[in-house]
Protein backbone atom coordinates (compact mmCIF):
# COMPACT_ATOMS: atom_id res chain seq x y z
CA MET A 1 285.82 72.14 181.22
CA ARG A 2 287.21 69.32 183.36
CA THR A 3 287.08 69.30 187.15
CA THR A 4 289.67 67.92 189.50
CA ASN A 5 287.54 64.85 190.13
CA ASP A 6 287.69 64.02 186.48
CA ARG A 7 291.46 63.99 186.40
CA PRO A 8 292.96 60.50 185.93
CA LEU A 9 295.40 59.09 188.43
CA ARG A 10 298.97 59.76 187.52
CA PRO A 11 301.18 56.74 186.86
CA GLY A 12 303.29 57.54 189.92
CA ARG A 13 300.32 57.68 192.25
CA THR A 14 298.94 54.42 190.90
CA LEU A 15 302.23 52.67 191.54
CA VAL A 16 302.37 53.99 195.11
CA LEU A 17 298.79 52.83 195.83
CA LEU A 18 299.54 49.37 194.46
CA ILE A 19 302.65 49.06 196.64
CA VAL A 20 300.67 50.09 199.74
CA LEU A 21 297.90 47.51 199.10
CA VAL A 22 300.41 44.71 198.49
CA SER A 23 302.32 45.62 201.63
CA LEU A 24 299.10 45.72 203.68
CA SER A 25 298.02 42.31 202.39
CA LEU A 26 301.41 40.79 203.17
CA GLY A 27 301.30 42.30 206.61
CA LEU A 28 297.88 40.91 207.37
CA ILE A 29 298.95 37.49 206.17
CA GLY A 30 301.96 37.61 208.41
CA LEU A 31 299.97 38.71 211.43
CA SER A 32 297.40 35.98 210.79
CA ALA A 33 300.16 33.40 210.69
CA THR A 34 301.47 34.62 214.09
CA ASN A 35 297.94 34.46 215.60
CA LYS A 36 298.10 38.18 216.45
CA LEU A 37 294.77 38.77 214.71
CA ASP A 38 292.89 36.11 216.69
CA GLY A 39 291.11 38.67 218.78
CA VAL A 40 289.99 40.61 215.77
CA GLU A 41 288.94 37.45 213.98
CA ASN A 42 287.02 36.24 217.04
CA TRP A 43 285.31 39.60 217.36
CA LEU A 44 284.32 39.59 213.72
CA THR A 45 283.13 35.99 214.05
CA GLY A 46 280.94 36.90 217.04
CA VAL A 47 279.50 39.88 215.22
CA LEU A 48 278.88 38.09 211.95
CA ALA A 49 277.75 34.70 213.36
CA PRO A 50 274.09 35.72 214.00
CA VAL A 51 273.95 37.22 210.53
CA GLN A 52 275.39 34.05 209.04
CA GLN A 53 272.95 31.89 211.05
CA GLY A 54 270.06 34.06 209.92
CA PHE A 55 271.01 33.66 206.28
CA SER A 56 271.50 29.92 206.84
CA ALA A 57 268.08 29.52 208.52
CA ALA A 58 266.43 31.59 205.81
CA GLY A 59 268.03 29.43 203.16
CA GLN A 60 266.92 26.30 204.97
CA ASN A 61 263.35 27.61 205.28
CA VAL A 62 263.27 28.45 201.59
CA GLY A 63 264.58 24.98 200.82
CA ASN A 64 261.94 23.40 203.06
CA PHE A 65 259.23 25.50 201.38
CA PHE A 66 260.14 24.34 197.88
CA SER A 67 260.58 20.77 199.14
CA ALA A 68 257.05 20.88 200.63
CA ILE A 69 255.71 22.11 197.29
CA ARG A 70 257.41 19.24 195.47
CA ASP A 71 256.05 16.73 198.05
CA SER A 72 252.54 18.17 197.71
CA GLN A 73 252.67 17.91 193.93
CA GLN A 74 253.91 14.33 194.20
CA LEU A 75 251.10 13.44 196.63
CA GLN A 76 248.52 15.03 194.32
CA THR A 77 249.87 13.05 191.37
CA GLU A 78 249.76 9.81 193.36
CA ASN A 79 246.24 10.62 194.64
CA ASP A 80 244.98 11.26 191.09
CA ALA A 81 246.51 7.97 189.96
CA LEU A 82 244.83 6.11 192.84
CA LYS A 83 241.47 7.70 192.01
CA LEU A 84 241.75 6.56 188.39
CA GLN A 85 242.76 3.09 189.53
CA ASN A 86 239.83 2.93 191.98
CA GLN A 87 237.37 4.07 189.30
CA SER A 88 238.72 1.45 186.92
CA LEU A 89 238.37 -1.26 189.57
CA GLN A 90 234.79 -0.19 190.33
CA GLU A 91 233.86 -0.32 186.65
CA GLU A 92 235.47 -3.73 186.29
CA ASN A 93 233.68 -4.97 189.41
CA ALA A 94 230.34 -3.72 188.07
CA LYS A 95 230.96 -5.57 184.79
CA LEU A 96 231.83 -8.76 186.67
CA LEU A 97 228.69 -8.48 188.80
CA ASP A 98 226.58 -7.96 185.68
CA LEU A 99 228.15 -11.01 184.05
CA GLN A 100 227.53 -13.01 187.22
CA ARG A 101 223.88 -11.95 187.25
CA GLN A 102 223.50 -12.86 183.58
CA ASN A 103 225.10 -16.26 184.22
CA ASP A 104 222.78 -16.87 187.17
CA GLU A 105 219.72 -15.98 185.11
CA LEU A 106 220.87 -18.21 182.25
CA ARG A 107 221.45 -21.07 184.70
CA HIS A 108 217.97 -20.57 186.13
CA GLU A 109 216.48 -20.54 182.63
CA LEU A 110 218.17 -23.80 181.76
CA GLY A 111 217.02 -25.34 185.04
CA PHE A 112 213.43 -24.21 184.47
CA GLN A 113 213.44 -25.57 180.92
CA LYS A 114 214.36 -28.97 182.32
CA LEU A 115 211.51 -28.75 184.85
CA ARG A 116 208.93 -27.55 182.29
CA PRO A 117 210.04 -28.83 178.87
CA ASP A 118 206.45 -28.44 177.68
CA LEU A 119 206.67 -24.63 177.68
CA ILE A 120 207.99 -22.52 174.80
CA ASN A 121 209.56 -19.38 176.24
CA LEU A 122 210.98 -16.31 174.57
CA PRO A 123 213.80 -14.55 176.48
CA ALA A 124 213.36 -10.77 176.64
CA ALA A 125 215.49 -8.04 178.19
CA VAL A 126 213.95 -5.54 180.59
CA ILE A 127 214.58 -2.07 179.14
CA GLY A 128 212.42 0.10 181.38
CA HIS A 129 209.82 0.58 184.10
CA ASP A 130 206.82 2.85 184.60
CA PRO A 131 208.33 6.37 184.41
CA ASN A 132 205.49 7.85 186.50
CA GLY A 133 205.83 5.34 189.33
CA THR A 134 202.04 4.95 189.58
CA SER A 135 201.90 1.38 188.29
CA GLN A 136 204.01 -1.76 188.43
CA THR A 137 205.13 -2.50 184.87
CA LEU A 138 208.17 -3.65 182.92
CA LEU A 139 209.10 -2.62 179.40
CA ILE A 140 210.72 -5.43 177.39
CA ASP A 141 212.58 -5.51 174.08
CA LYS A 142 210.37 -8.06 172.34
CA GLY A 143 207.03 -7.35 170.65
CA ASP A 144 204.56 -8.40 168.01
CA ALA A 145 207.27 -9.13 165.43
CA GLU A 146 208.83 -11.68 167.80
CA GLY A 147 205.50 -13.37 168.59
CA VAL A 148 204.48 -11.57 171.78
CA ARG A 149 200.72 -11.28 172.32
CA LEU A 150 198.40 -9.68 174.86
CA GLY A 151 197.84 -11.69 178.03
CA MET A 152 200.92 -13.89 177.66
CA ALA A 153 202.62 -14.87 180.88
CA ALA A 154 205.89 -13.22 181.88
CA LEU A 155 208.13 -15.42 184.01
CA SER A 156 211.30 -14.82 185.96
CA PRO A 157 214.40 -16.70 184.71
CA SER A 158 213.82 -19.24 187.51
CA GLY A 159 210.23 -19.85 186.33
CA TYR A 160 208.03 -17.83 188.71
CA LEU A 161 205.12 -15.88 187.27
CA VAL A 162 205.75 -12.12 187.54
CA GLY A 163 202.95 -10.74 185.34
CA GLN A 164 201.18 -10.66 181.99
CA VAL A 165 201.70 -8.74 178.77
CA SER A 166 199.36 -5.73 178.78
CA GLU A 167 200.53 -3.75 175.73
CA VAL A 168 202.28 -4.83 172.53
CA GLU A 169 204.18 -2.83 169.92
CA ALA A 170 206.22 -3.98 166.94
CA HIS A 171 209.46 -4.67 168.80
CA ARG A 172 208.64 -4.08 172.44
CA ALA A 173 205.90 -4.73 174.95
CA THR A 174 204.70 -3.80 178.43
CA VAL A 175 204.28 -6.35 181.21
CA LEU A 176 201.77 -5.62 183.97
CA LEU A 177 203.24 -7.12 187.12
CA ALA A 178 201.11 -9.44 189.25
CA ILE A 179 201.46 -7.13 192.27
CA ASP A 180 199.76 -4.22 190.46
CA SER A 181 196.19 -3.58 191.60
CA ASN A 182 194.95 -3.89 188.02
CA SER A 183 196.22 -7.46 187.80
CA LYS A 184 193.83 -10.38 188.30
CA ILE A 185 195.13 -13.91 187.63
CA PRO A 186 193.17 -17.18 187.95
CA ALA A 187 195.00 -19.27 190.54
CA LYS A 188 194.70 -22.21 192.91
CA VAL A 189 196.29 -23.58 196.06
CA GLN A 190 198.80 -26.23 195.02
CA ARG A 191 198.18 -28.48 198.03
CA THR A 192 194.36 -28.60 197.88
CA ASN A 193 193.52 -27.45 194.33
CA ALA A 194 191.19 -24.84 195.86
CA ASP A 195 190.43 -22.21 193.22
CA GLY A 196 190.73 -18.46 193.70
CA VAL A 197 191.76 -15.23 192.01
CA LEU A 198 195.14 -13.67 192.72
CA ALA A 199 194.80 -9.89 192.90
CA GLY A 200 197.61 -7.32 193.07
CA GLN A 201 197.69 -5.04 196.09
CA TRP A 202 200.64 -2.72 195.45
CA GLN A 203 198.64 0.51 195.19
CA VAL A 204 196.97 -0.18 198.55
CA GLY A 205 200.19 -1.02 200.36
CA GLY A 206 200.25 -4.79 199.88
CA ARG A 207 201.59 -7.28 197.38
CA LEU A 208 199.28 -10.18 196.48
CA SER A 209 195.94 -11.41 197.76
CA LEU A 210 194.35 -14.76 196.91
CA GLN A 211 190.62 -14.06 196.97
CA HIS A 212 187.32 -15.92 196.60
CA ILE A 213 188.46 -19.16 198.27
CA LYS A 214 185.50 -21.10 199.57
CA GLN A 215 185.15 -21.13 203.32
CA SER A 216 185.74 -24.30 205.34
CA GLN A 217 184.86 -25.51 208.81
CA THR A 218 188.33 -26.90 209.38
CA PRO A 219 191.29 -24.48 209.35
CA GLY A 220 193.67 -25.24 206.50
CA GLU A 221 191.21 -27.44 204.67
CA TYR A 222 191.43 -25.36 201.52
CA VAL A 223 194.30 -22.95 202.24
CA GLY A 224 196.82 -22.52 205.01
CA LYS A 225 200.00 -20.62 205.88
CA GLY A 226 202.96 -21.81 203.81
CA ASP A 227 200.86 -23.13 200.90
CA PHE A 228 202.11 -22.37 197.41
CA VAL A 229 199.80 -20.56 195.01
CA ILE A 230 200.02 -21.58 191.36
CA THR A 231 198.34 -20.59 188.12
CA SER A 232 195.16 -22.55 187.41
CA GLY A 233 195.35 -22.28 183.63
CA ALA A 234 191.78 -20.98 183.41
CA GLY A 235 191.26 -18.94 180.26
CA GLY A 236 193.89 -20.84 178.32
CA ILE A 237 196.43 -18.01 177.99
CA VAL A 238 198.59 -18.48 181.10
CA PRO A 239 199.76 -22.10 181.45
CA LYS A 240 198.79 -23.92 184.63
CA GLY A 241 201.09 -25.00 187.41
CA ILE A 242 203.42 -21.98 187.52
CA ILE A 243 204.24 -20.78 191.04
CA ILE A 244 203.13 -17.22 191.81
CA GLY A 245 203.77 -16.96 195.54
CA GLN A 246 203.42 -18.41 199.03
CA VAL A 247 200.67 -17.87 201.61
CA LEU A 248 201.64 -15.80 204.63
CA SER A 249 198.28 -15.64 206.43
CA VAL A 250 194.59 -16.51 205.98
CA ASP A 251 191.50 -14.47 206.89
CA GLN A 252 187.92 -15.78 207.20
CA LEU A 253 185.41 -13.41 205.57
CA ASP A 254 182.18 -14.46 207.28
CA ILE A 255 180.01 -11.95 205.46
CA LYS A 256 181.06 -13.24 202.03
CA GLN A 257 181.30 -16.83 203.23
CA GLU A 258 184.78 -17.14 201.79
CA GLN A 259 188.47 -16.94 202.71
CA GLN A 260 191.22 -14.59 201.65
CA ALA A 261 194.96 -15.18 201.89
CA ASP A 262 197.91 -12.79 201.87
CA VAL A 263 200.50 -14.07 199.41
CA TYR A 264 204.15 -13.11 199.10
CA PRO A 265 205.85 -13.35 195.67
CA PRO A 266 209.13 -15.32 195.64
CA VAL A 267 210.91 -12.82 193.39
CA ASP A 268 211.06 -9.02 193.20
CA ALA A 269 210.25 -8.42 189.53
CA ASN A 270 211.61 -4.88 189.65
CA THR A 271 215.13 -6.23 190.10
CA LEU A 272 215.06 -8.46 187.02
CA ASP A 273 217.22 -7.73 183.98
CA SER A 274 215.33 -10.23 181.81
CA VAL A 275 212.12 -12.26 181.72
CA LEU A 276 210.72 -15.22 179.80
CA ILE A 277 207.60 -14.68 177.77
CA ASN A 278 205.59 -17.88 177.45
CA VAL A 279 204.60 -17.90 173.79
CA GLY A 280 203.08 -21.40 173.76
CA THR A 281 203.35 -25.05 174.68
CA LYS A 282 204.76 -28.09 172.91
């Protein structure tokens, strides 16, 4: 059963409605041309302007929001690129510094060889230190197979004595540094040839101490501030004449009837990347 609402428009009614709409449109166009609708248009403009402005502002805010997101993403991309560039530069700088250090050590080695052509030295890389931190030692990459023996002198690339070999394996060895309290090296004052024993003082808060120097009536007769301490060569293992350090101060030990001098090493052995092992003389 069909209701009245379901009935289709008759052709006559449709034609009438179409004529009315066309006539109304033409009338409005005519009135607009004669400016008779200005008041209505102005009223509508005043009513709709805030709404239009609101939509415009909302659109602008949305645009600004997405623009800020794009700018943030761009900044993040640029920041990541700068971080990678900075990391690359740091790695390159570290490599250059390492090459510079190696060149300096090689230059020192060549200079020392010219000063002491009588010594046969074996270059060795430092590959470790005492893991417990209770002693002053270096682990090197040369051992018995390369001719390293117990007691051999370990020198810095510039030719200063830094210690002696204390343990030897097939292809590596341990160097006991001169500043360790277990180190005792026959030495003498370069200026006066006064003999003594250079003892390490690291475990008791010092560095080096030249002990058992005979006492004198005149200050500086046997040892004085600024004197260089060198190896004496006693024992035949460590060659003589190698600088170990420089005297900072001298104490008179009246009870023992001898003098003792505080000595400062010219090189920090813990910063070395390589050493020279004196394996003999020519």
